[in-house]
Amino acid sequence: MLCHAEPQPTGPQRFVLEPDGCQECHAEPTHVAFASTGTPIDHATVLENDIPCLQCHYDVTAGSGGLAEDACRSCHGPPGAAVRLTGGEPRDASTVHDQHAVDGGPACTRCHEEISHSVVGVASALELECTACHVEGDPALRQPVDSTAHVEDQLVFAGLSPFHEGALPAVKFRARISCQDCHSAAAMQAAPDSPARLSALRQECVACHGSRFAGLLDEWVEGMRANTRSVGAYVAGLHGDPRIDASPDADSLRSVADSLWTLISAGHGVHNIGGADRMLRDALADAAEASRRAGLVPAPLPDLGPVADAASCARCHYRPGRSHERFPEPFDHRAHGGAEGLECADCHTPASLFVAEDRVFDPDHGGITLAAGDCLSCHHAEPELACASCHVEGDAFQDPHTTLLPVTIERDRQTRPRPVDFSHLAHDAVDCTRCHTGAPPALAPDDCASCHEEHHDVEVSGCTSCHGATVKEAHTVADHLDCGACHTNATLADLGAADRRFCLQCHAEQVDHKPEGECASCHLLLEPAAAMRRILAAEEAPPR
């Protein structure tokens, strides 16, 4: 195909394909195409929303139509010889075409590289193979397979929504990166939304992009979840308002905002940070306009951070949270970039990710341009830590002082906070700031271990091997329905129902107290079986 030099009265002109120029040769498509998974691509809706064909079908041509280096020499001289055209003088392109592009003359492709043209579907980046993620025996593989299981994810990835003008495809979608390229079978074996799944996906990023990108996925996931929650809460606040219900315009805008939010929530905006960010902001704008159409003053919009467009740092660094780059305290990006309105360039170098066109990482990218002292322009002065000005003897220094420390009670079990008595008087020679670095004061186990030998061993069989108190002495009143904080359900289930016999193991002195009754009926307002279910955390506590 060489339609780039059509004859015109003034000579051959280069043909330029406009964004909406496909219809010059092709009829307007109105059909609905489906990816193999059932993802609908309604071309009528695409045209109605003025989405250019080339937005999705952007690689419909191959070849440049350029002039081959030895094209002239193939006819006008041996290789290496100076090219001398008819008459002995070089001619301009118009003259050359007049002499060659005539009936019976050489075909265009005799001199020019051919330009091939064909419609390439977008399905390749969206098609899914169920067994690429789901292992044999997974309930998701039961027949018939739900062909729309991931349709929202695919629409978000492609940036397509009937409720949004224009397509906003993800960068990876435009690069023909498929779902399986990131969601490999190995990465998808961990439970959804689990730390193990996120860790596996993080490795997928690093495998292609290198260690410099190791933290970006965490920012995307956390930031997009936070913004999606904020927008969802804002839109939900419009439901049930009779004034919006009574206004057709307001109700319609509310429905559009609902639909946009639902798509991003169900399709996981992290698949397309730029497009999802734009849709969430449009959902907020539609929700606010719905209030105005109903004669209401819109509620203040939640802060979504910088717009994640192509020219913004937020396109990669989406809602960064706290960091410990240079300062002694965690630096909260959201607090400084939100209400305070600081731009990234106020603290960081403007250097791009790559140096010029060499695709070499610029070491200055993201560098910090201010020192800790520069913060004093807003934060004025460092607070003086004078603990005694607030804490006097008989206050926080009074013994015993109970604090919560995370302790591993049993091997392979989750660490749980346990109350531990701490004596300030026994530590009166230690400066307060040795343990307390901010407010409210916090104490971590490694702070204790910096002075004291770590003596707790989860391999020891039974707590009483070190703690010699009786069962009753080792528990408080608050522990009655919180057994699962230390003991496994299997251990507790072996004790049977929470009946009188169960209670007398600790309260043996009450053996003659109402011997015909059950303790739980009066003291817990529960029957023994119900009390055991509460102990096993199988039921919520009833209102007291």
Protein backbone atom coordinates (compact mmCIF):
# COMPACT_ATOMS: atom_id res chain seq x y z
CA MET A 1 0.00 0.00 0.00
CA LEU A 2 1.50 3.32 -1.08
CA CYS A 3 -1.16 6.01 -0.89
CA HIS A 4 1.22 8.56 0.56
CA ALA A 5 2.00 10.23 -2.78
CA GLU A 6 -1.34 10.75 -4.49
CA PRO A 7 -1.22 12.79 -7.71
CA GLN A 8 -2.57 16.32 -7.30
CA PRO A 9 -2.81 19.24 -9.78
CA THR A 10 0.24 20.76 -8.10
CA GLY A 11 2.16 17.51 -8.14
CA PRO A 12 2.34 14.43 -5.88
CA GLN A 13 1.36 15.22 -2.29
CA ARG A 14 2.11 13.23 0.83
CA PHE A 15 -1.03 11.61 2.21
CA VAL A 16 -1.48 12.25 5.94
CA LEU A 17 -3.82 9.95 7.85
CA GLU A 18 -5.83 12.02 10.30
CA PRO A 19 -7.00 10.48 13.60
CA ASP A 20 -10.52 10.12 12.16
CA GLY A 21 -9.37 9.44 8.61
CA CYS A 22 -10.07 5.71 8.64
CA GLN A 23 -13.66 6.35 7.53
CA GLU A 24 -12.36 7.75 4.23
CA CYS A 25 -11.87 4.15 3.14
CA HIS A 26 -13.63 2.09 5.79
CA ALA A 27 -17.31 2.21 6.65
CA GLU A 28 -18.13 3.19 10.22
CA PRO A 29 -17.99 -0.03 12.27
CA THR A 30 -21.05 -0.68 14.42
CA HIS A 31 -20.42 -4.28 15.42
CA VAL A 32 -19.61 -5.57 18.88
CA ALA A 33 -16.33 -7.47 19.01
CA PHE A 34 -15.49 -9.91 21.76
CA ALA A 35 -12.18 -11.05 23.10
CA SER A 36 -11.89 -14.76 23.76
CA THR A 37 -12.92 -14.13 27.37
CA GLY A 38 -16.08 -12.31 26.37
CA THR A 39 -14.85 -8.76 26.85
CA PRO A 40 -17.28 -6.61 24.79
CA ILE A 41 -15.90 -3.89 22.53
CA ASP A 42 -18.95 -2.02 21.23
CA HIS A 43 -17.75 -0.02 18.21
CA ALA A 44 -20.96 2.01 18.07
CA THR A 45 -20.29 3.23 21.60
CA VAL A 46 -16.65 3.87 20.69
CA LEU A 47 -17.72 6.15 17.82
CA GLU A 48 -20.40 7.82 19.92
CA ASN A 49 -17.76 8.79 22.46
CA ASP A 50 -15.50 10.18 19.70
CA ILE A 51 -12.74 7.67 20.39
CA PRO A 52 -10.41 7.71 17.35
CA CYS A 53 -9.83 4.36 15.66
CA LEU A 54 -6.08 4.82 16.03
CA GLN A 55 -6.47 5.02 19.81
CA CYS A 56 -6.80 1.22 19.86
CA HIS A 57 -5.75 0.19 16.35
CA TYR A 58 -2.54 2.19 16.49
CA ASP A 59 -0.32 -0.30 14.67
CA VAL A 60 -2.30 -0.81 11.46
CA THR A 61 0.66 -0.02 9.18
CA ALA A 62 4.15 -1.45 8.89
CA GLY A 63 6.95 -0.02 6.78
CA SER A 64 8.01 3.56 6.18
CA GLY A 65 7.71 3.97 2.41
CA GLY A 66 11.23 5.35 2.50
CA LEU A 67 13.64 5.28 -0.41
CA ALA A 68 16.03 2.35 -0.37
CA GLU A 69 19.68 3.41 -0.24
CA ASP A 70 20.65 1.73 -3.49
CA ALA A 71 17.30 2.14 -5.27
CA CYS A 72 18.67 4.48 -7.92
CA ARG A 73 21.88 2.53 -8.46
CA SER A 74 19.94 -0.63 -9.24
CA CYS A 75 18.97 0.97 -12.55
CA HIS A 76 21.31 3.91 -13.03
CA GLY A 77 24.70 2.54 -12.29
CA PRO A 78 26.75 -0.20 -10.68
CA PRO A 79 27.07 -0.31 -6.89
CA GLY A 80 29.49 2.33 -5.64
CA ALA A 81 29.23 4.54 -8.72
CA ALA A 82 27.97 8.10 -8.46
CA VAL A 83 24.31 8.29 -9.37
CA ARG A 84 23.76 10.27 -12.58
CA LEU A 85 20.19 10.66 -13.68
CA THR A 86 18.86 11.43 -17.17
CA GLY A 87 20.55 14.55 -18.51
CA GLY A 88 23.44 14.16 -16.15
CA GLU A 89 21.98 16.26 -13.34
CA PRO A 90 20.29 15.26 -10.09
CA ARG A 91 16.58 16.05 -10.13
CA ASP A 92 14.12 17.05 -7.41
CA ALA A 93 11.58 14.51 -6.13
CA SER A 94 8.72 15.95 -8.21
CA THR A 95 10.65 15.60 -11.44
CA VAL A 96 11.83 12.10 -10.55
CA HIS A 97 8.26 10.97 -9.89
CA ASP A 98 7.02 12.52 -13.15
CA GLN A 99 9.61 10.52 -15.04
CA HIS A 100 9.03 7.23 -13.26
CA ALA A 101 5.40 7.12 -12.09
CA VAL A 102 3.88 6.75 -15.57
CA ASP A 103 1.93 3.95 -17.18
CA GLY A 104 4.24 1.04 -17.69
CA GLY A 105 6.86 2.53 -15.37
CA PRO A 106 8.34 0.71 -12.40
CA ALA A 107 6.08 -0.03 -9.48
CA CYS A 108 6.38 2.25 -6.44
CA THR A 109 7.84 -0.60 -4.42
CA ARG A 110 10.69 -0.90 -6.94
CA CYS A 111 12.21 2.14 -5.23
CA HIS A 112 10.24 2.57 -1.99
CA GLU A 113 9.88 0.30 1.01
CA GLU A 114 6.40 -1.18 0.97
CA ILE A 115 3.86 -0.01 3.51
CA SER A 116 1.62 -2.87 4.56
CA HIS A 117 -1.79 -2.06 6.02
CA SER A 118 -4.10 -4.29 7.99
CA VAL A 119 -6.43 -3.93 10.95
CA VAL A 120 -4.82 -5.42 14.05
CA GLY A 121 -7.27 -6.30 16.80
CA VAL A 122 -6.76 -5.31 20.40
CA ALA A 123 -7.67 -8.77 21.67
CA SER A 124 -4.09 -9.99 21.99
CA ALA A 125 -3.45 -7.87 25.09
CA LEU A 126 -6.78 -8.85 26.65
CA GLU A 127 -7.12 -12.54 25.90
CA LEU A 128 -6.85 -14.79 28.92
CA GLU A 129 -6.00 -18.43 29.35
CA CYS A 130 -7.68 -19.66 32.55
CA THR A 131 -5.08 -22.33 33.26
CA ALA A 132 -2.32 -19.70 33.15
CA CYS A 133 -3.40 -18.63 36.64
CA HIS A 134 -5.77 -21.30 37.96
CA VAL A 135 -4.29 -24.69 38.80
CA GLU A 136 -6.08 -27.96 38.22
CA GLY A 137 -8.88 -28.46 40.74
CA ASP A 138 -9.50 -24.74 41.22
CA PRO A 139 -13.29 -24.13 41.49
CA ALA A 140 -12.88 -21.30 38.98
CA LEU A 141 -12.27 -23.90 36.26
CA ARG A 142 -15.66 -25.56 36.71
CA GLN A 143 -17.65 -25.77 33.50
CA PRO A 144 -19.11 -23.65 32.12
CA VAL A 145 -16.34 -21.15 32.72
CA ASP A 146 -17.58 -17.63 33.43
CA SER A 147 -16.41 -15.75 30.33
CA THR A 148 -16.99 -12.38 32.01
CA ALA A 149 -15.02 -13.15 35.18
CA HIS A 150 -12.40 -10.47 34.55
CA VAL A 151 -14.26 -8.16 32.17
CA GLU A 152 -13.93 -5.11 34.46
CA ASP A 153 -10.17 -5.67 34.78
CA GLN A 154 -9.88 -5.86 31.00
CA LEU A 155 -11.95 -2.71 30.42
CA VAL A 156 -9.86 -0.79 32.95
CA PHE A 157 -6.65 -2.07 31.33
CA ALA A 158 -7.89 -0.99 27.88
CA GLY A 159 -9.20 2.30 29.30
CA LEU A 160 -12.67 1.75 27.84
CA SER A 161 -15.85 2.92 29.54
CA PRO A 162 -19.19 3.93 27.99
CA PHE A 163 -19.41 6.56 30.74
CA HIS A 164 -16.21 8.37 29.87
CA GLU A 165 -15.30 10.44 26.79
CA GLY A 166 -12.25 9.13 25.00
CA ALA A 167 -10.18 6.04 25.63
CA LEU A 168 -7.51 6.04 28.32
CA PRO A 169 -5.52 2.85 27.69
CA ALA A 170 -2.78 1.82 30.07
CA VAL A 171 0.79 2.28 28.86
CA LYS A 172 1.27 -1.48 29.06
CA PHE A 173 -1.85 -2.07 26.98
CA ARG A 174 -0.51 0.21 24.24
CA ALA A 175 2.74 -1.76 24.38
CA ARG A 176 0.76 -4.99 23.86
CA ILE A 177 1.68 -6.31 27.32
CA SER A 178 -0.80 -9.07 28.12
CA CYS A 179 -2.36 -9.91 31.47
CA GLN A 180 -0.28 -13.07 31.79
CA ASP A 181 2.95 -11.11 31.32
CA CYS A 182 2.54 -9.77 34.86
CA HIS A 183 0.09 -12.27 36.35
CA SER A 184 2.22 -15.33 35.75
CA ALA A 185 1.14 -18.73 37.00
CA ALA A 186 3.77 -18.61 39.76
CA ALA A 187 2.68 -15.17 40.96
CA MET A 188 -0.99 -16.11 41.07
CA GLN A 189 -0.65 -19.16 43.32
CA ALA A 190 -0.82 -17.04 46.50
CA ALA A 191 -4.18 -15.97 47.90
CA PRO A 192 -5.73 -12.78 46.40
CA ASP A 193 -4.81 -9.55 48.21
CA SER A 194 -2.35 -11.44 50.41
CA PRO A 195 1.18 -10.17 51.20
CA ALA A 196 2.53 -13.25 49.39
CA ARG A 197 0.62 -12.33 46.20
CA LEU A 198 1.87 -8.74 46.33
CA SER A 199 5.43 -9.94 46.93
CA ALA A 200 5.24 -12.28 43.93
CA LEU A 201 3.86 -9.55 41.67
CA ARG A 202 6.55 -7.18 42.90
CA GLN A 203 9.15 -9.67 41.68
CA GLU A 204 7.47 -9.71 38.27
CA CYS A 205 8.00 -5.93 38.05
CA VAL A 206 11.63 -6.16 39.08
CA ALA A 207 12.31 -9.02 36.66
CA CYS A 208 11.60 -6.72 33.70
CA HIS A 209 12.29 -3.23 35.01
CA GLY A 210 15.07 -3.79 37.53
CA SER A 211 15.43 -3.04 41.22
CA ARG A 212 14.82 0.70 40.75
CA PHE A 213 11.12 -0.10 40.31
CA ALA A 214 10.86 -2.35 43.37
CA GLY A 215 8.68 -0.02 45.45
CA LEU A 216 6.36 1.36 42.78
CA LEU A 217 3.79 -1.45 42.87
CA ASP A 218 3.27 -0.95 46.61
CA GLU A 219 2.64 2.77 46.04
CA TRP A 220 0.20 2.01 43.23
CA VAL A 221 -1.76 -0.54 45.23
CA GLU A 222 -1.94 1.51 48.42
CA GLY A 223 -2.58 4.83 46.65
CA MET A 224 -5.24 3.50 44.27
CA ARG A 225 -7.05 1.68 47.08
CA ALA A 226 -7.08 4.85 49.19
CA ASN A 227 -8.38 7.02 46.35
CA THR A 228 -10.97 4.44 45.30
CA ARG A 229 -12.27 4.28 48.87
CA SER A 230 -12.44 8.09 49.09
CA VAL A 231 -14.36 8.44 45.83
CA GLY A 232 -16.67 5.55 46.75
CA ALA A 233 -17.55 7.18 50.06
CA TYR A 234 -18.20 10.53 48.36
CA VAL A 235 -20.48 9.04 45.70
CA ALA A 236 -22.29 6.87 48.25
CA GLY A 237 -23.14 10.03 50.18
CA LEU A 238 -25.52 11.05 47.39
CA HIS A 239 -27.69 7.94 47.69
CA GLY A 240 -31.01 8.25 49.41
CA ASP A 241 -31.23 12.04 48.99
CA PRO A 242 -34.80 12.74 47.79
CA ARG A 243 -33.75 16.01 46.16
CA ILE A 244 -31.35 14.19 43.85
CA ASP A 245 -33.90 11.41 43.29
CA ALA A 246 -36.43 14.04 42.15
CA SER A 247 -34.08 15.66 39.60
CA PRO A 248 -33.61 13.65 36.36
CA ASP A 249 -30.36 15.50 35.54
CA ALA A 250 -28.94 15.01 39.03
CA ASP A 251 -29.99 11.36 39.14
CA SER A 252 -28.38 10.73 35.75
CA LEU A 253 -25.08 12.29 36.81
CA ARG A 254 -25.13 10.31 40.03
CA SER A 255 -25.60 7.10 38.03
CA VAL A 256 -22.64 7.96 35.80
CA ALA A 257 -20.46 8.64 38.85
CA ASP A 258 -21.63 5.33 40.34
CA SER A 259 -20.79 3.45 37.15
CA LEU A 260 -17.32 4.97 36.84
CA TRP A 261 -16.50 4.18 40.46
CA THR A 262 -17.89 0.64 40.18
CA LEU A 263 -15.75 -0.04 37.10
CA ILE A 264 -12.54 1.14 38.80
CA SER A 265 -13.38 -0.65 42.05
CA ALA A 266 -14.21 -3.97 40.38
CA GLY A 267 -11.51 -3.66 37.69
CA HIS A 268 -8.72 -2.65 40.08
CA GLY A 269 -7.45 0.76 39.03
CA VAL A 270 -3.86 -0.36 39.62
CA HIS A 271 -4.05 -1.98 36.16
CA ASN A 272 -4.17 1.49 34.59
CA ILE A 273 -3.01 4.23 36.96
CA GLY A 274 -3.39 7.13 34.52
CA GLY A 275 -6.78 6.09 33.14
CA ALA A 276 -8.22 5.04 36.51
CA ASP A 277 -7.08 8.27 38.15
CA ARG A 278 -8.82 10.29 35.43
CA MET A 279 -12.04 8.27 35.77
CA LEU A 280 -12.07 8.63 39.56
CA ARG A 281 -11.72 12.40 39.22
CA ASP A 282 -14.49 12.47 36.64
CA ALA A 283 -16.68 10.45 39.02
CA LEU A 284 -16.08 13.11 41.70
CA ALA A 285 -16.86 15.91 39.26
CA ASP A 286 -20.10 14.20 38.15
CA ALA A 287 -21.12 13.60 41.77
CA ALA A 288 -20.49 17.23 42.70
CA GLU A 289 -22.41 18.43 39.65
CA ALA A 290 -25.30 16.13 40.58
CA SER A 291 -25.55 17.98 43.90
CA ARG A 292 -25.55 21.33 42.13
CA ARG A 293 -28.24 20.24 39.66
CA ALA A 294 -30.39 19.30 42.65
CA GLY A 295 -29.91 22.74 44.20
CA LEU A 296 -27.43 21.54 46.82
CA VAL A 297 -24.00 22.78 47.83
CA PRO A 298 -21.57 19.92 47.05
CA ALA A 299 -19.60 18.50 49.93
CA PRO A 300 -15.85 19.27 49.84
CA LEU A 301 -14.06 16.93 47.42
CA PRO A 302 -11.55 14.47 48.91
CA ASP A 303 -7.91 15.06 48.11
CA LEU A 304 -6.71 12.56 45.48
CA GLY A 305 -3.21 13.97 45.22
CA PRO A 306 -1.53 15.16 42.00
CA VAL A 307 -3.16 14.25 38.68
CA ALA A 308 -1.49 11.14 37.24
CA ASP A 309 -1.11 12.41 33.67
CA ALA A 310 1.81 11.73 31.34
CA ALA A 311 3.68 14.89 32.39
CA SER A 312 3.30 14.29 36.12
CA CYS A 313 5.56 12.47 38.56
CA ALA A 314 2.35 10.87 39.86
CA ARG A 315 2.10 8.77 36.70
CA CYS A 316 4.79 6.57 38.26
CA HIS A 317 4.87 7.76 41.88
CA TYR A 318 1.17 7.48 42.64
CA ARG A 319 0.25 8.79 46.11
CA PRO A 320 3.60 7.95 47.78
CA GLY A 321 3.23 7.52 51.52
CA ARG A 322 5.87 7.79 54.22
CA SER A 323 9.57 7.51 53.54
CA HIS A 324 12.79 7.60 55.59
CA GLU A 325 15.06 9.03 52.93
CA ARG A 326 16.99 11.64 54.87
CA PHE A 327 15.08 12.80 57.90
CA PRO A 328 14.99 11.33 61.42
CA GLU A 329 11.19 11.15 61.36
CA PRO A 330 9.03 9.50 58.66
CA PHE A 331 8.22 12.04 55.95
CA ASP A 332 4.56 12.03 54.93
CA HIS A 333 4.30 12.89 51.21
CA ARG A 334 0.51 13.03 51.28
CA ALA A 335 0.34 15.59 54.06
CA HIS A 336 2.79 17.87 52.26
CA GLY A 337 1.46 17.44 48.73
CA GLY A 338 -2.23 17.63 49.65
CA ALA A 339 -3.48 20.48 51.82
CA GLU A 340 -0.02 22.12 51.85
CA GLY A 341 0.10 22.14 48.05
CA LEU A 342 3.81 21.43 47.65
CA GLU A 343 4.94 20.29 44.19
CA CYS A 344 7.41 17.44 43.69
CA ALA A 345 9.95 19.90 42.26
CA ASP A 346 9.88 21.90 45.50
CA CYS A 347 11.93 19.15 47.13
CA HIS A 348 13.19 16.94 44.28
CA THR A 349 15.36 17.45 41.22
CA PRO A 350 13.51 17.88 37.90
CA ALA A 351 15.70 15.24 36.27
CA SER A 352 13.88 12.75 34.06
CA LEU A 353 14.16 9.01 34.51
CA PHE A 354 16.51 8.63 31.54
CA VAL A 355 19.35 10.76 30.23
CA ALA A 356 18.29 12.21 26.87
CA GLU A 357 17.56 9.47 24.34
CA ASP A 358 20.21 7.04 25.56
CA ARG A 359 17.72 5.23 27.81
CA VAL A 360 20.34 5.33 30.55
CA PHE A 361 19.11 5.99 34.09
CA ASP A 362 19.79 9.52 35.26
CA PRO A 363 21.37 9.28 38.74
CA ASP A 364 19.87 12.70 39.60
CA HIS A 365 16.29 11.49 39.05
CA GLY A 366 14.29 11.93 42.24
CA GLY A 367 17.21 13.42 44.15
CA ILE A 368 16.38 15.53 47.20
CA THR A 369 17.37 19.18 46.87
CA LEU A 370 16.70 20.36 50.42
CA ALA A 371 18.27 19.67 53.76
CA ALA A 372 16.51 18.96 57.03
CA GLY A 373 17.05 22.59 58.04
CA ASP A 374 14.97 23.79 55.08
CA CYS A 375 11.88 22.35 56.76
CA LEU A 376 12.15 25.12 59.36
CA SER A 377 10.69 27.58 56.85
CA CYS A 378 7.33 26.05 57.73
CA HIS A 379 8.01 24.12 60.89
CA HIS A 380 9.90 27.09 62.42
CA ALA A 381 11.70 25.38 65.30
CA GLU A 382 12.43 22.00 66.70
CA PRO A 383 10.37 21.18 69.81
CA GLU A 384 12.33 20.82 73.00
CA LEU A 385 11.83 17.49 74.66
CA ALA A 386 11.28 18.16 78.35
CA CYS A 387 9.45 15.09 79.60
CA ALA A 388 9.30 16.35 83.20
CA SER A 389 7.33 19.40 82.12
CA CYS A 390 4.34 17.11 81.60
CA HIS A 391 5.18 13.89 83.38
CA VAL A 392 5.71 14.27 87.10
CA GLU A 393 6.30 11.69 89.76
CA GLY A 394 3.07 9.81 90.41
CA ASP A 395 1.95 10.25 86.78
CA ALA A 396 3.40 8.11 83.97
CA PHE A 397 6.33 7.18 86.19
CA GLN A 398 4.08 5.46 88.67
CA ASP A 399 4.57 1.69 88.94
CA PRO A 400 3.35 -0.61 87.64
CA HIS A 401 3.00 0.89 84.15
CA THR A 402 1.47 -1.50 81.58
CA THR A 403 2.44 -1.30 77.93
CA LEU A 404 1.60 -3.47 74.92
CA LEU A 405 4.43 -5.36 73.28
CA PRO A 406 4.12 -7.69 70.28
CA VAL A 407 5.03 -11.20 71.43
CA THR A 408 5.16 -14.52 69.58
CA ILE A 409 3.42 -16.95 71.92
CA GLU A 410 3.79 -20.07 69.78
CA ARG A 411 5.95 -20.95 66.84
CA ASP A 412 4.28 -20.45 63.41
CA ARG A 413 1.57 -18.32 64.99
CA GLN A 414 0.87 -14.67 64.36
CA THR A 415 2.58 -12.19 66.67
CA ARG A 416 0.08 -10.63 69.09
CA PRO A 417 0.25 -7.60 71.37
CA ARG A 418 0.40 -8.62 75.02
CA PRO A 419 0.26 -6.41 78.12
CA VAL A 420 3.62 -6.22 79.85
CA ASP A 421 4.35 -4.45 83.15
CA PHE A 422 7.16 -1.93 82.84
CA SER A 423 8.86 -0.24 85.79
CA HIS A 424 9.99 3.31 85.11
CA LEU A 425 11.58 3.51 88.56
CA ALA A 426 13.85 0.60 87.70
CA HIS A 427 15.01 2.55 84.65
CA ASP A 428 15.42 5.98 86.23
CA ALA A 429 19.06 6.15 85.12
CA VAL A 430 18.03 5.83 81.43
CA ASP A 431 17.25 9.02 79.55
CA CYS A 432 13.58 9.22 78.43
CA THR A 433 14.55 9.78 74.78
CA ARG A 434 16.47 6.49 74.76
CA CYS A 435 13.10 4.74 74.42
CA HIS A 436 10.59 7.50 73.60
CA THR A 437 11.29 9.43 70.39
CA GLY A 438 7.90 11.02 69.79
CA ALA A 439 4.30 11.30 70.93
CA PRO A 440 2.39 9.23 71.69
CA PRO A 441 5.31 7.24 73.16
CA ALA A 442 5.93 3.83 71.70
CA LEU A 443 8.23 1.02 72.72
CA ALA A 444 9.28 -1.79 70.41
CA PRO A 445 10.75 -5.15 71.51
CA ASP A 446 14.08 -4.42 69.87
CA ASP A 447 14.38 -1.35 72.10
CA CYS A 448 14.28 -3.66 75.14
CA ALA A 449 16.71 -6.09 73.51
CA SER A 450 19.21 -3.28 72.98
CA CYS A 451 19.85 -3.40 76.75
CA HIS A 452 18.32 -6.67 77.92
CA GLU A 453 19.05 -10.19 76.76
CA GLU A 454 16.25 -11.76 74.71
CA HIS A 455 15.02 -14.59 76.93
CA HIS A 456 11.67 -15.50 75.42
CA ASP A 457 11.87 -18.76 73.49
CA VAL A 458 8.82 -19.88 71.53
CA GLU A 459 10.29 -23.38 71.28
CA VAL A 460 9.87 -23.93 75.03
CA SER A 461 6.95 -26.24 75.74
CA GLY A 462 4.41 -24.39 77.84
CA CYS A 463 4.47 -20.87 79.24
CA THR A 464 4.66 -22.20 82.82
CA SER A 465 8.17 -23.52 82.21
CA CYS A 466 9.25 -19.92 82.83
CA HIS A 467 6.17 -18.30 84.30
CA GLY A 468 5.35 -20.34 87.40
CA ALA A 469 2.04 -18.70 88.30
CA THR A 470 -1.11 -20.80 88.72
CA VAL A 471 -3.64 -20.83 85.91
CA LYS A 472 -5.86 -18.39 87.77
CA GLU A 473 -3.00 -16.06 88.63
CA ALA A 474 -1.81 -16.02 85.02
CA HIS A 475 -5.14 -14.67 83.71
CA THR A 476 -7.17 -11.51 84.21
CA VAL A 477 -10.93 -10.97 84.12
CA ALA A 478 -10.59 -9.58 80.61
CA ASP A 479 -9.07 -12.90 79.45
CA HIS A 480 -12.28 -14.89 79.94
CA LEU A 481 -13.48 -14.53 76.35
CA ASP A 482 -10.11 -13.84 74.74
CA CYS A 483 -8.50 -17.27 75.08
CA GLY A 484 -7.69 -17.28 71.36
CA ALA A 485 -5.19 -14.47 71.91
CA CYS A 486 -2.73 -17.09 73.20
CA HIS A 487 -4.21 -20.56 72.73
CA THR A 488 -5.10 -22.36 69.52
CA ASN A 489 -8.70 -23.30 68.81
CA ALA A 490 -7.68 -26.97 68.75
CA THR A 491 -6.40 -26.72 72.33
CA LEU A 492 -9.54 -24.97 73.49
CA ALA A 493 -11.88 -27.38 71.72
CA ASP A 494 -10.33 -30.28 73.64
CA LEU A 495 -11.66 -28.74 76.84
CA GLY A 496 -15.25 -29.35 75.74
CA ALA A 497 -18.08 -26.92 76.41
CA ALA A 498 -17.66 -23.90 78.63
CA ASP A 499 -19.73 -25.58 81.36
CA ARG A 500 -19.45 -25.65 85.16
CA ARG A 501 -16.62 -28.23 85.03
CA PHE A 502 -14.67 -25.90 82.70
CA CYS A 503 -15.02 -22.94 85.08
CA LEU A 504 -14.12 -24.90 88.22
CA GLN A 505 -10.64 -25.59 86.84
CA CYS A 506 -9.78 -22.06 87.96
CA HIS A 507 -12.53 -21.29 90.43
CA ALA A 508 -12.37 -24.44 92.55
CA GLU A 509 -13.37 -22.46 95.66
CA GLN A 510 -16.82 -21.99 94.11
CA VAL A 511 -17.56 -25.73 93.94
CA ASP A 512 -20.48 -25.39 96.39
CA HIS A 513 -21.89 -22.20 94.86
CA LYS A 514 -25.24 -23.07 93.17
CA PRO A 515 -24.07 -26.60 92.33
CA GLU A 516 -27.15 -27.22 90.17
CA GLY A 517 -26.53 -24.20 87.87
CA GLU A 518 -24.22 -23.27 85.01
CA CYS A 519 -21.74 -20.43 85.62
CA ALA A 520 -22.01 -18.98 82.10
CA SER A 521 -25.77 -18.50 82.35
CA CYS A 522 -25.42 -15.80 85.02
CA HIS A 523 -21.88 -14.50 84.60
CA LEU A 524 -21.79 -14.33 80.78
CA LEU A 525 -25.53 -14.35 79.96
CA LEU A 526 -24.78 -17.24 77.62
CA GLU A 527 -25.41 -20.95 77.56
CA PRO A 528 -22.24 -23.12 77.85
CA ALA A 529 -22.24 -24.07 74.13
CA ALA A 530 -22.68 -20.43 73.09
CA ALA A 531 -19.94 -19.37 75.49
CA MET A 532 -17.51 -21.83 73.89
CA ARG A 533 -18.37 -20.53 70.42
CA ARG A 534 -17.51 -17.06 71.65
CA ILE A 535 -14.24 -18.31 73.09
CA LEU A 536 -13.43 -19.93 69.75
CA ALA A 537 -14.18 -16.58 68.07
CA ALA A 538 -16.96 -18.16 66.03
CA GLU A 539 -19.54 -15.55 67.01
CA GLU A 540 -19.64 -11.86 67.78
CA ALA A 541 -20.17 -10.91 71.39
CA PRO A 542 -23.83 -10.10 72.21
CA PRO A 543 -24.66 -6.56 73.35
CA ARG A 544 -24.23 -6.24 77.13
